[in-house]
C-alpha atoms as a PDB file:
ATOM      1  CA  UNK A   1     -81.883 -96.700-175.401  1.00  0.00           C
ATOM      2  CA  UNK A   2     -82.142-100.384-175.881  1.00  0.00           C
ATOM      3  CA  UNK A   3     -78.511-102.241-175.613  1.00  0.00           C
ATOM      4  CA  UNK A   4     -77.732-105.787-177.010  1.00  0.00           C
ATOM      5  CA  UNK A   5     -75.926-108.139-174.494  1.00  0.00           C
ATOM      6  CA  UNK A   6     -72.643-107.864-176.721  1.00  0.00           C
ATOM      7  CA  UNK A   7     -72.728-103.861-176.312  1.00  0.00           C
ATOM      8  CA  UNK A   8     -73.225-104.089-172.458  1.00  0.00           C
ATOM      9  CA  UNK A   9     -70.600-106.728-172.022  1.00  0.00           C
ATOM     10  CA  UNK A  10     -68.226-104.848-173.855  1.00  0.00           C
ATOM     11  CA  UNK A  11     -68.979-101.652-171.862  1.00  0.00           C
ATOM     12  CA  UNK A  12     -67.799-103.588-168.896  1.00  0.00           C
ATOM     13  CA  UNK A  13     -64.850-104.811-170.465  1.00  0.00           C
ATOM     14  CA  UNK A  14     -65.697-108.356-171.401  1.00  0.00           C
ATOM     15  CA  UNK A  15     -64.912-109.348-174.839  1.00  0.00           C
ATOM     16  CA  UNK A  16     -67.613-111.705-176.705  1.00  0.00           C
ATOM     17  CA  UNK A  17     -66.113-114.186-178.940  1.00  0.00           C
ATOM     18  CA  UNK A  18     -68.285-116.447-181.168  1.00  0.00           C
ATOM     19  CA  UNK A  19     -66.995-120.234-181.394  1.00  0.00           C
ATOM     20  CA  UNK A  20     -68.726-122.857-183.293  1.00  0.00           C
ATOM     21  CA  UNK A  21     -72.065-121.556-183.156  1.00  0.00           C
ATOM     22  CA  UNK A  22     -72.041-120.295-179.681  1.00  0.00           C
ATOM     23  CA  UNK A  23     -71.315-116.756-177.954  1.00  0.00           C
ATOM     24  CA  UNK A  24     -68.678-116.842-175.135  1.00  0.00           C
ATOM     25  CA  UNK A  25     -68.012-114.061-172.832  1.00  0.00           C
ATOM     26  CA  UNK A  26     -64.285-113.798-171.786  1.00  0.00           C
ATOM     27  CA  UNK A  27     -63.257-111.299-169.113  1.00  0.00           C
ATOM     28  CA  UNK A  28     -60.701-108.729-170.796  1.00  0.00           C
ATOM     29  CA  UNK A  29     -56.913-109.170-169.234  1.00  0.00           C
ATOM     30  CA  UNK A  30     -57.530-105.712-167.176  1.00  0.00           C
ATOM     31  CA  UNK A  31     -60.937-106.685-165.575  1.00  0.00           C
ATOM     32  CA  UNK A  32     -59.064-108.370-162.461  1.00  0.00           C
ATOM     33  CA  UNK A  33     -58.131-104.946-161.055  1.00  0.00           C
ATOM     34  CA  UNK A  34     -57.993-101.292-162.480  1.00  0.00           C
ATOM     35  CA  UNK A  35     -55.096-100.445-164.552  1.00  0.00           C
ATOM     36  CA  UNK A  36     -54.126 -96.753-164.001  1.00  0.00           C
ATOM     37  CA  UNK A  37     -52.738 -95.658-167.020  1.00  0.00           C
ATOM     38  CA  UNK A  38     -49.576 -94.612-165.704  1.00  0.00           C
ATOM     39  CA  UNK A  39     -47.638 -95.862-168.758  1.00  0.00           C
ATOM     40  CA  UNK A  40     -49.114 -92.999-170.799  1.00  0.00           C
ATOM     41  CA  UNK A  41     -51.058 -93.141-173.939  1.00  0.00           C
ATOM     42  CA  UNK A  42     -50.941 -95.508-176.520  1.00  0.00           C
ATOM     43  CA  UNK A  43     -50.086 -98.352-174.035  1.00  0.00           C
ATOM     44  CA  UNK A  44     -52.676-101.439-174.054  1.00  0.00           C
ATOM     45  CA  UNK A  45     -52.624-104.025-171.191  1.00  0.00           C
ATOM     46  CA  UNK A  46     -51.310-107.227-172.863  1.00  0.00           C
ATOM     47  CA  UNK A  47     -50.780-109.190-169.561  1.00  0.00           C
ATOM     48  CA  UNK A  48     -51.490-109.017-165.653  1.00  0.00           C
ATOM     49  CA  UNK A  49     -50.093-111.177-162.563  1.00  0.00           C
ATOM     50  CA  UNK A  50     -52.248-110.983-159.182  1.00  0.00           C
ATOM     51  CA  UNK A  51     -50.682-110.369-155.978  1.00  0.00           C
ATOM     52  CA  UNK A  52     -51.993-110.560-152.435  1.00  0.00           C
ATOM     53  CA  UNK A  53     -53.520-106.828-152.215  1.00  0.00           C
ATOM     54  CA  UNK A  54     -53.132-105.710-155.692  1.00  0.00           C
ATOM     55  CA  UNK A  55     -52.208-106.553-159.639  1.00  0.00           C
ATOM     56  CA  UNK A  56     -49.217-106.254-161.718  1.00  0.00           C
ATOM     57  CA  UNK A  57     -49.833-104.985-165.401  1.00  0.00           C
ATOM     58  CA  UNK A  58     -47.701-105.211-168.546  1.00  0.00           C
ATOM     59  CA  UNK A  59     -48.417-102.829-171.306  1.00  0.00           C
ATOM     60  CA  UNK A  60     -46.940-102.515-174.819  1.00  0.00           C
ATOM     61  CA  UNK A  61     -47.073 -99.568-177.137  1.00  0.00           C
ATOM     62  CA  UNK A  62     -46.800-100.972-180.591  1.00  0.00           C
ATOM     63  CA  UNK A  63     -45.832 -97.852-182.243  1.00  0.00           C
ATOM     64  CA  UNK A  64     -43.028 -97.456-180.082  1.00  0.00           C
ATOM     65  CA  UNK A  65     -41.960-101.012-179.248  1.00  0.00           C
ATOM     66  CA  UNK A  66     -41.848 -99.987-175.587  1.00  0.00           C
ATOM     67  CA  UNK A  67     -43.033-102.375-172.829  1.00  0.00           C
ATOM     68  CA  UNK A  68     -44.100-101.088-169.567  1.00  0.00           C
ATOM     69  CA  UNK A  69     -44.812-102.653-166.005  1.00  0.00           C
ATOM     70  CA  UNK A  70     -46.835-101.066-163.125  1.00  0.00           C
ATOM     71  CA  UNK A  71     -47.684-102.729-159.855  1.00  0.00           C
ATOM     72  CA  UNK A  72     -51.248-101.358-158.563  1.00  0.00           C
ATOM     73  CA  UNK A  73     -52.391-101.932-155.011  1.00  0.00           C
ATOM     74  CA  UNK A  74     -56.202-102.749-154.716  1.00  0.00           C
ATOM     75  CA  UNK A  75     -56.946-100.379-152.032  1.00  0.00           C
ATOM     76  CA  UNK A  76     -54.419 -97.277-151.620  1.00  0.00           C
ATOM     77  CA  UNK A  77     -53.515 -96.482-148.063  1.00  0.00           C
ATOM     78  CA  UNK A  78     -50.789 -96.421-145.810  1.00  0.00           C
ATOM     79  CA  UNK A  79     -47.135 -97.158-147.783  1.00  0.00           C
ATOM     80  CA  UNK A  80     -46.186-100.831-148.103  1.00  0.00           C
ATOM     81  CA  UNK A  81     -43.366-102.078-150.412  1.00  0.00           C
ATOM     82  CA  UNK A  82     -44.395-102.167-153.833  1.00  0.00           C
ATOM     83  CA  UNK A  83     -42.163-103.165-156.939  1.00  0.00           C
ATOM     84  CA  UNK A  84     -42.509-102.977-160.493  1.00  0.00           C
ATOM     85  CA  UNK A  85     -39.260-104.438-162.682  1.00  0.00           C
ATOM     86  CA  UNK A  86     -38.540-105.352-166.186  1.00  0.00           C
ATOM     87  CA  UNK A  87     -35.775-106.394-168.385  1.00  0.00           C
ATOM     88  CA  UNK A  88     -34.892-107.912-171.567  1.00  0.00           C
ATOM     89  CA  UNK A  89     -34.681-111.716-171.288  1.00  0.00           C
ATOM     90  CA  UNK A  90     -31.303-112.096-172.782  1.00  0.00           C
ATOM     91  CA  UNK A  91     -28.753-112.466-170.046  1.00  0.00           C
ATOM     92  CA  UNK A  92     -26.721-109.250-168.924  1.00  0.00           C
ATOM     93  CA  UNK A  93     -29.264-106.825-169.224  1.00  0.00           C
ATOM     94  CA  UNK A  94     -30.006-104.149-166.892  1.00  0.00           C
ATOM     95  CA  UNK A  95     -33.600-104.242-164.732  1.00  0.00           C
ATOM     96  CA  UNK A  96     -35.425-101.361-164.617  1.00  0.00           C
ATOM     97  CA  UNK A  97     -37.276-100.979-161.587  1.00  0.00           C
ATOM     98  CA  UNK A  98     -38.962 -98.945-159.118  1.00  0.00           C
ATOM     99  CA  UNK A  99     -39.388-100.195-155.535  1.00  0.00           C
ATOM    100  CA  UNK A 100     -40.124 -98.421-152.509  1.00  0.00           C
ATOM    101  CA  UNK A 101     -42.889 -97.835-149.724  1.00  0.00           C
ATOM    102  CA  UNK A 102     -45.921 -96.439-151.904  1.00  0.00           C
ATOM    103  CA  UNK A 103     -49.341 -95.817-150.951  1.00  0.00           C
ATOM    104  CA  UNK A 104     -50.673 -96.774-154.403  1.00  0.00           C
ATOM    105  CA  UNK A 105     -48.639 -98.051-157.205  1.00  0.00           C
ATOM    106  CA  UNK A 106     -44.832 -98.683-158.349  1.00  0.00           C
ATOM    107  CA  UNK A 107     -43.590 -97.812-161.886  1.00  0.00           C
ATOM    108  CA  UNK A 108     -43.788 -97.157-164.561  1.00  0.00           C
ATOM    109  CA  UNK A 109     -40.854 -98.894-165.603  1.00  0.00           C
ATOM    110  CA  UNK A 110     -40.150 -99.369-169.415  1.00  0.00           C
ATOM    111  CA  UNK A 111     -37.978-101.496-171.572  1.00  0.00           C
ATOM    112  CA  UNK A 112     -37.576-101.179-175.302  1.00  0.00           C
ATOM    113  CA  UNK A 113     -38.036-104.876-176.726  1.00  0.00           C
ATOM    114  CA  UNK A 114     -39.432-105.013-180.291  1.00  0.00           C
ATOM    115  CA  UNK A 115     -39.004-108.729-181.395  1.00  0.00           C
ATOM    116  CA  UNK A 116     -37.631-109.758-178.046  1.00  0.00           C
ATOM    117  CA  UNK A 117     -38.808-111.642-174.933  1.00  0.00           C
ATOM    118  CA  UNK A 118     -39.025-109.804-171.567  1.00  0.00           C
ATOM    119  CA  UNK A 119     -38.793-110.867-167.874  1.00  0.00           C
ATOM    120  CA  UNK A 120     -40.785-109.010-165.152  1.00  0.00           C
ATOM    121  CA  UNK A 121     -41.245-109.047-161.396  1.00  0.00           C
ATOM    122  CA  UNK A 122     -43.698-107.621-159.134  1.00  0.00           C
ATOM    123  CA  UNK A 123     -44.232-107.607-155.458  1.00  0.00           C
ATOM    124  CA  UNK A 124     -46.465-105.855-152.877  1.00  0.00           C
ATOM    125  CA  UNK A 125     -45.296-106.427-149.419  1.00  0.00           C
ATOM    126  CA  UNK A 126     -44.212-110.071-149.142  1.00  0.00           C
ATOM    127  CA  UNK A 127     -46.261-111.368-152.093  1.00  0.00           C
ATOM    128  CA  UNK A 128     -44.033-111.559-155.383  1.00  0.00           C
ATOM    129  CA  UNK A 129     -44.619-112.838-158.778  1.00  0.00           C
ATOM    130  CA  UNK A 130     -42.525-113.224-161.996  1.00  0.00           C
ATOM    131  CA  UNK A 131     -42.716-114.008-165.656  1.00  0.00           C
ATOM    132  CA  UNK A 132     -39.204-115.138-167.460  1.00  0.00           C
ATOM    133  CA  UNK A 133     -38.762-115.130-171.105  1.00  0.00           C
ATOM    134  CA  UNK A 134     -42.286-114.091-171.851  1.00  0.00           C
ATOM    135  CA  UNK A 135     -44.079-112.064-174.355  1.00  0.00           C
ATOM    136  CA  UNK A 136     -41.697-112.690-177.068  1.00  0.00           C
ATOM    137  CA  UNK A 137     -42.419-111.089-180.390  1.00  0.00           C
END
């Protein structure tokens, strides 16, 4: 069976975008590392943050308005400190977090935020990343 270049790229997670007569291959958000599906069905990856030793994923379920964060290690193994944390961006809201010594991933953690901005933080051992006041919508 002969596949087109567009079909082959889509199969490996690369979006094909036509711009001004040219076709450009754009890696999908989740291509950097593997999102493990821990948030459940109906969630799609909307952002990611690279960390030394893994990747944090932010997912969203448009039918429920739930955001979900998971921090996934590149190579599961002996437990190290891993954190996934999420909150509404407006002040005074609680942080929903899962941080402990894990062999593969931390999370999932959820926040209901339709039409609102969120903050999310991730950590693997000593490396951390955050996005504040993001994904407003």
